[in-house]
Amino acid sequence: MKIRTVIADDEDLARRGLRALSQRCEDLELICECRNGREAVDAILRHRPDLVFLDVQMPGKTGFDVISAIADAPRPHVVFVTAYDKFALRAFEVHALDYLLKPVNEERFDAALARVRWAMSHATDNALLQRARQVAADLPVVTSPAMGSAVDRLPIKVNGRIVVIRVADIDWIEADRDYVSVNVRGKTWLMRETIAAVELRLALSGFVRIHRSTLVNAERVKELRPQDKGEYTVVLNDGTELKLTRHYRAAVERLVGANI
């Protein structure tokens, strides 16, 4: 399935960067590029793309103005692109699937695209699609469109049996290729699922993405220690130290419960 895509950014360098990243992906079909908000609105209404990489700050209309202008039309999936992480929370208030900080690197681009692929593959009708976008408003993560509330149990297959883990007991989750390691009070359970899929499932259950390979239970966080270049060390109640990278800087506010 091709993901019909529009890039909207007033900076030529930014458009070229997104174009180059998009051309690496065989399932992305780049329909057009837009240099301002007015062109973005026209392109979305005319082409009805599946995905829009949308710059926040553009002349004439901002990215948020574009969203307002297409409110009555079929909504594409939106990934905001910005040089400032201060716009991150507002991006999710308008149901964006993700946001990318400039300059966009391959890892972060691929993570955002994984969310788009997941949302598209699970949105089998307009009702499910709308629910996915509503769920995405909570955080820079999204959850399964089949779920309208928080998950409280996580089933894990172990040697032909199913172990049921209470989500509230999970400390943190780490990606391990096609698996994830679910860490529960000193014990680790291996689950065959990607970190992106687990992130979607647990979005409403208090889990925050702090690294491309790490999810953390916000209730387990005891301390955040600022490091260089906008990064943090996240310290859990049991002393475990995890890395929060600058590309997930918007997670800080969720973890501490305030704007710092």
C-alpha atoms as a PDB file:
ATOM      1  CA  MET A   1       0.000   0.000   0.000  1.00  0.00           C
ATOM      2  CA  LYS A   2       1.432   3.335  -1.069  1.00  0.00           C
ATOM      3  CA  ILE A   3       1.374   6.232   1.375  1.00  0.00           C
ATOM      4  CA  ARG A   4       0.503   9.279  -0.706  1.00  0.00           C
ATOM      5  CA  THR A   5       2.524  12.096   0.815  1.00  0.00           C
ATOM      6  CA  VAL A   6       2.745  15.896   0.754  1.00  0.00           C
ATOM      7  CA  ILE A   7       5.679  17.898   2.110  1.00  0.00           C
ATOM      8  CA  ALA A   8       4.908  21.466   3.227  1.00  0.00           C
ATOM      9  CA  ASP A   9       7.797  23.658   4.381  1.00  0.00           C
ATOM     10  CA  ASP A  10       8.885  27.159   3.391  1.00  0.00           C
ATOM     11  CA  GLU A  11      12.579  26.268   3.663  1.00  0.00           C
ATOM     12  CA  ASP A  12      14.077  24.727   0.550  1.00  0.00           C
ATOM     13  CA  LEU A  13      16.751  22.918   2.564  1.00  0.00           C
ATOM     14  CA  ALA A  14      14.138  21.370   4.836  1.00  0.00           C
ATOM     15  CA  ARG A  15      12.056  20.208   1.873  1.00  0.00           C
ATOM     16  CA  ARG A  16      15.103  18.664   0.235  1.00  0.00           C
ATOM     17  CA  GLY A  17      15.948  16.848   3.451  1.00  0.00           C
ATOM     18  CA  LEU A  18      12.454  15.425   3.857  1.00  0.00           C
ATOM     19  CA  ARG A  19      12.378  14.514   0.175  1.00  0.00           C
ATOM     20  CA  ALA A  20      15.646  12.590   0.481  1.00  0.00           C
ATOM     21  CA  LEU A  21      14.419  10.747   3.576  1.00  0.00           C
ATOM     22  CA  SER A  22      11.112   9.945   1.866  1.00  0.00           C
ATOM     23  CA  GLN A  23      12.791   8.586  -1.257  1.00  0.00           C
ATOM     24  CA  ARG A  24      14.470   5.917   0.866  1.00  0.00           C
ATOM     25  CA  CYS A  25      11.050   4.416   1.590  1.00  0.00           C
ATOM     26  CA  GLU A  26       9.471   2.356  -1.164  1.00  0.00           C
ATOM     27  CA  ASP A  27       5.958   2.724   0.226  1.00  0.00           C
ATOM     28  CA  LEU A  28       6.040   6.555   0.226  1.00  0.00           C
ATOM     29  CA  GLU A  29       4.680   8.233  -2.893  1.00  0.00           C
ATOM     30  CA  LEU A  30       5.556  11.930  -2.889  1.00  0.00           C
ATOM     31  CA  ILE A  31       2.668  13.781  -4.553  1.00  0.00           C
ATOM     32  CA  CYS A  32       3.868  17.356  -4.250  1.00  0.00           C
ATOM     33  CA  GLU A  33       5.820  19.863  -2.205  1.00  0.00           C
ATOM     34  CA  CYS A  34       4.415  23.117  -0.844  1.00  0.00           C
ATOM     35  CA  ARG A  35       6.254  26.304   0.093  1.00  0.00           C
ATOM     36  CA  ASN A  36       3.633  27.901   2.332  1.00  0.00           C
ATOM     37  CA  GLY A  37       0.415  27.277   4.203  1.00  0.00           C
ATOM     38  CA  ARG A  38      -1.877  28.335   1.367  1.00  0.00           C
ATOM     39  CA  GLU A  39      -0.260  25.863  -1.021  1.00  0.00           C
ATOM     40  CA  ALA A  40      -0.516  23.176   1.652  1.00  0.00           C
ATOM     41  CA  VAL A  41      -4.265  23.710   2.078  1.00  0.00           C
ATOM     42  CA  ASP A  42      -4.810  23.617  -1.692  1.00  0.00           C
ATOM     43  CA  ALA A  43      -2.735  20.451  -2.074  1.00  0.00           C
ATOM     44  CA  ILE A  44      -4.500  18.634   0.751  1.00  0.00           C
ATOM     45  CA  LEU A  45      -7.957  19.508  -0.538  1.00  0.00           C
ATOM     46  CA  ARG A  46      -7.049  18.649  -4.139  1.00  0.00           C
ATOM     47  CA  HIS A  47      -5.007  15.471  -3.672  1.00  0.00           C
ATOM     48  CA  ARG A  48      -6.385  14.104  -0.386  1.00  0.00           C
ATOM     49  CA  PRO A  49      -3.028  12.623   0.669  1.00  0.00           C
ATOM     50  CA  ASP A  50      -2.578   9.963   3.322  1.00  0.00           C
ATOM     51  CA  LEU A  51       0.256  11.820   5.020  1.00  0.00           C
ATOM     52  CA  VAL A  52       1.478  15.409   5.307  1.00  0.00           C
ATOM     53  CA  PHE A  53       4.852  16.480   6.691  1.00  0.00           C
ATOM     54  CA  LEU A  54       3.771  19.929   7.840  1.00  0.00           C
ATOM     55  CA  ASP A  55       6.061  22.739   8.954  1.00  0.00           C
ATOM     56  CA  VAL A  56       4.727  24.677  11.938  1.00  0.00           C
ATOM     57  CA  GLN A  57       6.035  28.118  10.994  1.00  0.00           C
ATOM     58  CA  MET A  58       5.292  29.137   7.410  1.00  0.00           C
ATOM     59  CA  PRO A  59       4.428  32.509   5.862  1.00  0.00           C
ATOM     60  CA  GLY A  60       0.751  33.323   5.472  1.00  0.00           C
ATOM     61  CA  LYS A  61      -0.625  30.302   7.297  1.00  0.00           C
ATOM     62  CA  THR A  62       1.084  28.346  10.047  1.00  0.00           C
ATOM     63  CA  GLY A  63       0.833  24.593  10.195  1.00  0.00           C
ATOM     64  CA  PHE A  64      -1.914  24.959  12.786  1.00  0.00           C
ATOM     65  CA  ASP A  65      -3.785  27.331  10.469  1.00  0.00           C
ATOM     66  CA  VAL A  66      -3.588  24.665   7.778  1.00  0.00           C
ATOM     67  CA  ILE A  67      -5.200  22.124  10.093  1.00  0.00           C
ATOM     68  CA  SER A  68      -8.009  24.565  10.875  1.00  0.00           C
ATOM     69  CA  ALA A  69      -8.537  25.315   7.184  1.00  0.00           C
ATOM     70  CA  ILE A  70      -9.090  21.644   6.316  1.00  0.00           C
ATOM     71  CA  ALA A  71     -11.280  20.904   9.321  1.00  0.00           C
ATOM     72  CA  ASP A  72     -14.301  20.002   7.177  1.00  0.00           C
ATOM     73  CA  ALA A  73     -12.341  17.826   4.729  1.00  0.00           C
ATOM     74  CA  PRO A  74     -10.996  14.264   5.099  1.00  0.00           C
ATOM     75  CA  ARG A  75      -7.962  14.606   7.326  1.00  0.00           C
ATOM     76  CA  PRO A  76      -4.602  13.122   6.351  1.00  0.00           C
ATOM     77  CA  HIS A  77      -2.216  11.848   8.953  1.00  0.00           C
ATOM     78  CA  VAL A  78      -0.061  14.788  10.038  1.00  0.00           C
ATOM     79  CA  VAL A  79       3.546  14.776  11.168  1.00  0.00           C
ATOM     80  CA  PHE A  80       4.576  18.283  12.195  1.00  0.00           C
ATOM     81  CA  VAL A  81       8.088  19.511  11.444  1.00  0.00           C
ATOM     82  CA  THR A  82       9.546  22.306  13.552  1.00  0.00           C
ATOM     83  CA  ALA A  83      12.799  23.800  14.733  1.00  0.00           C
ATOM     84  CA  TYR A  84      11.341  24.356  18.215  1.00  0.00           C
ATOM     85  CA  ASP A  85      10.096  21.639  20.560  1.00  0.00           C
ATOM     86  CA  LYS A  86       7.864  24.190  22.336  1.00  0.00           C
ATOM     87  CA  PHE A  87       5.233  23.449  19.687  1.00  0.00           C
ATOM     88  CA  ALA A  88       5.153  19.716  20.441  1.00  0.00           C
ATOM     89  CA  LEU A  89       2.256  19.658  22.907  1.00  0.00           C
ATOM     90  CA  ARG A  90       0.075  21.847  20.720  1.00  0.00           C
ATOM     91  CA  ALA A  91       0.819  19.538  17.795  1.00  0.00           C
ATOM     92  CA  PHE A  92      -0.794  16.654  19.621  1.00  0.00           C
ATOM     93  CA  GLU A  93      -3.724  18.779  20.708  1.00  0.00           C
ATOM     94  CA  VAL A  94      -4.679  18.936  17.019  1.00  0.00           C
ATOM     95  CA  HIS A  95      -4.239  15.156  16.695  1.00  0.00           C
ATOM     96  CA  ALA A  96      -0.921  14.972  14.893  1.00  0.00           C
ATOM     97  CA  LEU A  97       0.598  11.502  14.888  1.00  0.00           C
ATOM     98  CA  ASP A  98       4.069  12.832  15.599  1.00  0.00           C
ATOM     99  CA  TYR A  99       6.391  15.803  15.306  1.00  0.00           C
ATOM    100  CA  LEU A 100       9.971  16.040  14.089  1.00  0.00           C
ATOM    101  CA  LEU A 101      12.636  18.489  15.179  1.00  0.00           C
ATOM    102  CA  LYS A 102      14.821  20.052  12.509  1.00  0.00           C
ATOM    103  CA  PRO A 103      17.246  18.950  11.278  1.00  0.00           C
ATOM    104  CA  VAL A 104      15.401  15.654  10.882  1.00  0.00           C
ATOM    105  CA  ASN A 105      17.570  12.560  11.142  1.00  0.00           C
ATOM    106  CA  GLU A 106      16.909   9.117   9.681  1.00  0.00           C
ATOM    107  CA  GLU A 107      16.132   7.386  12.965  1.00  0.00           C
ATOM    108  CA  ARG A 108      13.526   9.902  14.051  1.00  0.00           C
ATOM    109  CA  PHE A 109      11.996  10.043  10.567  1.00  0.00           C
ATOM    110  CA  ASP A 110      11.709   6.251  10.493  1.00  0.00           C
ATOM    111  CA  ALA A 111      10.087   6.214  13.931  1.00  0.00           C
ATOM    112  CA  ALA A 112       7.461   8.731  12.818  1.00  0.00           C
ATOM    113  CA  LEU A 113       6.816   6.793   9.632  1.00  0.00           C
ATOM    114  CA  ALA A 114       6.368   3.592  11.636  1.00  0.00           C
ATOM    115  CA  ARG A 115       3.531   5.290  13.512  1.00  0.00           C
ATOM    116  CA  VAL A 116       1.936   6.335  10.263  1.00  0.00           C
ATOM    117  CA  ARG A 117       2.184   2.822   8.822  1.00  0.00           C
ATOM    118  CA  TRP A 118       0.704   1.335  11.972  1.00  0.00           C
ATOM    119  CA  ALA A 119      -2.183   3.796  12.060  1.00  0.00           C
ATOM    120  CA  MET A 120      -2.975   3.240   8.396  1.00  0.00           C
ATOM    121  CA  SER A 121      -2.849  -0.535   8.618  1.00  0.00           C
ATOM    122  CA  HIS A 122      -5.263  -0.563  11.565  1.00  0.00           C
ATOM    123  CA  ALA A 123      -7.690   2.118  10.365  1.00  0.00           C
ATOM    124  CA  THR A 124     -10.048  -0.026   8.301  1.00  0.00           C
ATOM    125  CA  ASP A 125     -12.832   2.520   8.186  1.00  0.00           C
ATOM    126  CA  ASN A 126     -13.415   6.199   8.913  1.00  0.00           C
ATOM    127  CA  ALA A 127     -14.641   5.581  12.451  1.00  0.00           C
ATOM    128  CA  LEU A 128     -11.454   3.747  13.431  1.00  0.00           C
ATOM    129  CA  LEU A 129      -9.309   6.361  11.732  1.00  0.00           C
ATOM    130  CA  GLN A 130     -10.981   9.163  13.662  1.00  0.00           C
ATOM    131  CA  ARG A 131     -10.514   7.302  16.924  1.00  0.00           C
ATOM    132  CA  ALA A 132      -6.797   6.846  16.214  1.00  0.00           C
ATOM    133  CA  ARG A 133      -6.411  10.585  15.716  1.00  0.00           C
ATOM    134  CA  GLN A 134      -8.325  11.355  18.892  1.00  0.00           C
ATOM    135  CA  VAL A 135      -6.154   8.997  20.891  1.00  0.00           C
ATOM    136  CA  ALA A 136      -3.020  10.592  19.414  1.00  0.00           C
ATOM    137  CA  ALA A 137      -3.954  13.878  21.079  1.00  0.00           C
ATOM    138  CA  ASP A 138      -2.794  12.633  24.476  1.00  0.00           C
ATOM    139  CA  LEU A 139       0.954  12.512  23.851  1.00  0.00           C
ATOM    140  CA  PRO A 140       3.680  12.231  21.254  1.00  0.00           C
ATOM    141  CA  VAL A 141       2.484   8.673  21.085  1.00  0.00           C
ATOM    142  CA  VAL A 142      -0.648   7.073  19.796  1.00  0.00           C
ATOM    143  CA  THR A 143      -2.616   4.015  20.781  1.00  0.00           C
ATOM    144  CA  SER A 144      -4.568   1.293  19.082  1.00  0.00           C
ATOM    145  CA  PRO A 145      -7.665   2.576  17.322  1.00  0.00           C
ATOM    146  CA  ALA A 146      -9.477  -0.461  18.636  1.00  0.00           C
ATOM    147  CA  MET A 147      -9.083   0.777  22.208  1.00  0.00           C
ATOM    148  CA  GLY A 148     -10.888   3.730  23.682  1.00  0.00           C
ATOM    149  CA  SER A 149      -9.440   3.420  27.175  1.00  0.00           C
ATOM    150  CA  ALA A 150      -6.217   2.592  28.983  1.00  0.00           C
ATOM    151  CA  VAL A 151      -4.845  -0.939  28.882  1.00  0.00           C
ATOM    152  CA  ASP A 152      -4.435  -2.587  32.290  1.00  0.00           C
ATOM    153  CA  ARG A 153      -3.173  -6.073  31.270  1.00  0.00           C
ATOM    154  CA  LEU A 154      -0.462  -7.150  28.848  1.00  0.00           C
ATOM    155  CA  PRO A 155      -0.502 -10.821  27.738  1.00  0.00           C
ATOM    156  CA  ILE A 156       2.925 -12.313  26.931  1.00  0.00           C
ATOM    157  CA  LYS A 157       3.458 -15.734  25.382  1.00  0.00           C
ATOM    158  CA  VAL A 158       6.076 -17.762  27.240  1.00  0.00           C
ATOM    159  CA  ASN A 159       6.887 -21.389  26.319  1.00  0.00           C
ATOM    160  CA  GLY A 160       3.408 -22.234  25.102  1.00  0.00           C
ATOM    161  CA  ARG A 161       1.615 -20.435  27.915  1.00  0.00           C
ATOM    162  CA  ILE A 162       0.350 -16.898  28.347  1.00  0.00           C
ATOM    163  CA  VAL A 163       1.597 -14.787  31.233  1.00  0.00           C
ATOM    164  CA  VAL A 164      -0.595 -11.803  32.088  1.00  0.00           C
ATOM    165  CA  ILE A 165       1.373  -8.766  33.261  1.00  0.00           C
ATOM    166  CA  ARG A 166      -0.307  -5.869  35.052  1.00  0.00           C
ATOM    167  CA  VAL A 167       0.617  -2.770  33.071  1.00  0.00           C
ATOM    168  CA  ALA A 168       0.855  -0.749  36.290  1.00  0.00           C
ATOM    169  CA  ASP A 169       3.657  -3.086  37.451  1.00  0.00           C
ATOM    170  CA  ILE A 170       5.865  -2.469  34.407  1.00  0.00           C
ATOM    171  CA  ASP A 171       8.876  -0.234  35.053  1.00  0.00           C
ATOM    172  CA  TRP A 172      10.189   0.258  31.516  1.00  0.00           C
ATOM    173  CA  ILE A 173      10.272  -1.379  28.102  1.00  0.00           C
ATOM    174  CA  GLU A 174      13.213  -1.626  25.728  1.00  0.00           C
ATOM    175  CA  ALA A 175      13.384  -2.557  22.044  1.00  0.00           C
ATOM    176  CA  ASP A 176      15.347  -5.680  21.110  1.00  0.00           C
ATOM    177  CA  ARG A 177      15.127  -6.045  17.316  1.00  0.00           C
ATOM    178  CA  ASP A 178      11.723  -7.620  16.575  1.00  0.00           C
ATOM    179  CA  TYR A 179      11.089  -8.068  20.299  1.00  0.00           C
ATOM    180  CA  VAL A 180      10.741  -5.873  23.345  1.00  0.00           C
ATOM    181  CA  SER A 181      12.030  -6.525  26.848  1.00  0.00           C
ATOM    182  CA  VAL A 182       9.324  -5.794  29.406  1.00  0.00           C
ATOM    183  CA  ASN A 183      10.969  -4.996  32.747  1.00  0.00           C
ATOM    184  CA  VAL A 184       8.835  -5.706  35.808  1.00  0.00           C
ATOM    185  CA  ARG A 185      10.317  -5.296  39.274  1.00  0.00           C
ATOM    186  CA  GLY A 186      13.666  -6.832  38.406  1.00  0.00           C
ATOM    187  CA  LYS A 187      12.274  -9.512  36.095  1.00  0.00           C
ATOM    188  CA  THR A 188      12.390  -9.285  32.295  1.00  0.00           C
ATOM    189  CA  TRP A 189       9.814 -10.716  29.906  1.00  0.00           C
ATOM    190  CA  LEU A 190      10.511 -10.995  26.192  1.00  0.00           C
ATOM    191  CA  MET A 191       7.594 -10.121  23.916  1.00  0.00           C
ATOM    192  CA  ARG A 192       7.509 -10.496  20.125  1.00  0.00           C
ATOM    193  CA  GLU A 193       6.360  -7.029  19.137  1.00  0.00           C
ATOM    194  CA  THR A 194       8.015  -3.819  17.981  1.00  0.00           C
ATOM    195  CA  ILE A 195       8.563  -0.888  20.313  1.00  0.00           C
ATOM    196  CA  ALA A 196       6.350   1.267  18.083  1.00  0.00           C
ATOM    197  CA  ALA A 197       3.437  -1.167  18.381  1.00  0.00           C
ATOM    198  CA  VAL A 198       3.786  -1.393  22.167  1.00  0.00           C
ATOM    199  CA  GLU A 199       3.976   2.394  22.388  1.00  0.00           C
ATOM    200  CA  LEU A 200       0.696   2.662  20.533  1.00  0.00           C
ATOM    201  CA  ARG A 201      -0.933   0.096  22.793  1.00  0.00           C
ATOM    202  CA  LEU A 202       0.180   1.736  26.044  1.00  0.00           C
ATOM    203  CA  ALA A 203      -0.240   5.404  25.110  1.00  0.00           C
ATOM    204  CA  LEU A 204      -3.178   5.896  27.478  1.00  0.00           C
ATOM    205  CA  SER A 205      -1.616   3.838  30.262  1.00  0.00           C
ATOM    206  CA  GLY A 206       0.997   6.344  31.383  1.00  0.00           C
ATOM    207  CA  PHE A 207       3.941   5.222  29.242  1.00  0.00           C
ATOM    208  CA  VAL A 208       6.199   7.804  27.642  1.00  0.00           C
ATOM    209  CA  ARG A 209       8.685   7.360  24.782  1.00  0.00           C
ATOM    210  CA  ILE A 210      12.032   8.812  25.880  1.00  0.00           C
ATOM    211  CA  HIS A 211      14.315   7.207  23.305  1.00  0.00           C
ATOM    212  CA  ARG A 212      13.849   5.472  19.968  1.00  0.00           C
ATOM    213  CA  SER A 213      14.206   2.157  21.820  1.00  0.00           C
ATOM    214  CA  THR A 214      12.773   2.976  25.260  1.00  0.00           C
ATOM    215  CA  LEU A 215       9.369   3.450  26.877  1.00  0.00           C
ATOM    216  CA  VAL A 216       9.083   4.301  30.557  1.00  0.00           C
ATOM    217  CA  ASN A 217       6.229   4.124  33.042  1.00  0.00           C
ATOM    218  CA  ALA A 218       5.855   7.734  34.193  1.00  0.00           C
ATOM    219  CA  GLU A 219       4.789   6.529  37.655  1.00  0.00           C
ATOM    220  CA  ARG A 220       8.208   4.910  38.129  1.00  0.00           C
ATOM    221  CA  VAL A 221      10.236   8.063  37.441  1.00  0.00           C
ATOM    222  CA  LYS A 222      11.957   9.504  40.519  1.00  0.00           C
ATOM    223  CA  GLU A 223      14.369  12.029  39.041  1.00  0.00           C
ATOM    224  CA  LEU A 224      15.489  13.702  35.814  1.00  0.00           C
ATOM    225  CA  ARG A 225      19.112  14.786  35.553  1.00  0.00           C
ATOM    226  CA  PRO A 226      19.877  17.295  32.781  1.00  0.00           C
ATOM    227  CA  GLN A 227      22.779  16.362  30.503  1.00  0.00           C
ATOM    228  CA  ASP A 228      24.405  18.082  27.533  1.00  0.00           C
ATOM    229  CA  LYS A 229      22.561  19.020  24.320  1.00  0.00           C
ATOM    230  CA  GLY A 230      19.087  18.917  25.828  1.00  0.00           C
ATOM    231  CA  GLU A 231      19.281  15.295  26.939  1.00  0.00           C
ATOM    232  CA  TYR A 232      18.383  13.862  30.354  1.00  0.00           C
ATOM    233  CA  THR A 233      19.129  10.861  32.514  1.00  0.00           C
ATOM    234  CA  VAL A 234      15.836   9.429  33.749  1.00  0.00           C
ATOM    235  CA  VAL A 235      16.199   7.763  37.162  1.00  0.00           C
ATOM    236  CA  LEU A 236      13.566   5.248  38.219  1.00  0.00           C
ATOM    237  CA  ASN A 237      12.490   4.371  41.755  1.00  0.00           C
ATOM    238  CA  ASP A 238      14.672   1.243  41.745  1.00  0.00           C
ATOM    239  CA  GLY A 239      17.752   3.218  40.659  1.00  0.00           C
ATOM    240  CA  THR A 240      17.650   2.235  36.996  1.00  0.00           C
ATOM    241  CA  GLU A 241      19.040   5.001  34.787  1.00  0.00           C
ATOM    242  CA  LEU A 242      17.667   5.515  31.275  1.00  0.00           C
ATOM    243  CA  LYS A 243      18.550   8.034  28.587  1.00  0.00           C
ATOM    244  CA  LEU A 244      16.092  10.651  27.317  1.00  0.00           C
ATOM    245  CA  THR A 245      17.338  12.010  23.981  1.00  0.00           C
ATOM    246  CA  ARG A 246      16.726  15.503  22.654  1.00  0.00           C
ATOM    247  CA  HIS A 247      14.402  14.240  19.939  1.00  0.00           C
ATOM    248  CA  TYR A 248      11.989  13.191  22.707  1.00  0.00           C
ATOM    249  CA  ARG A 249      12.444  16.417  24.681  1.00  0.00           C
ATOM    250  CA  ALA A 250       8.668  16.963  24.783  1.00  0.00           C
ATOM    251  CA  ALA A 251       8.413  13.897  27.050  1.00  0.00           C
ATOM    252  CA  VAL A 252       9.975  15.856  29.908  1.00  0.00           C
ATOM    253  CA  GLU A 253       6.814  17.805  30.645  1.00  0.00           C
ATOM    254  CA  ARG A 254       4.770  14.612  30.797  1.00  0.00           C
ATOM    255  CA  LEU A 255       7.222  12.958  33.139  1.00  0.00           C
ATOM    256  CA  VAL A 256       7.457  15.826  35.627  1.00  0.00           C
ATOM    257  CA  GLY A 257       3.847  17.004  35.291  1.00  0.00           C
ATOM    258  CA  ALA A 258       4.804  20.639  34.659  1.00  0.00           C
ATOM    259  CA  ASN A 259       6.366  22.920  32.094  1.00  0.00           C
ATOM    260  CA  ILE A 260      10.038  23.392  33.011  1.00  0.00           C
END
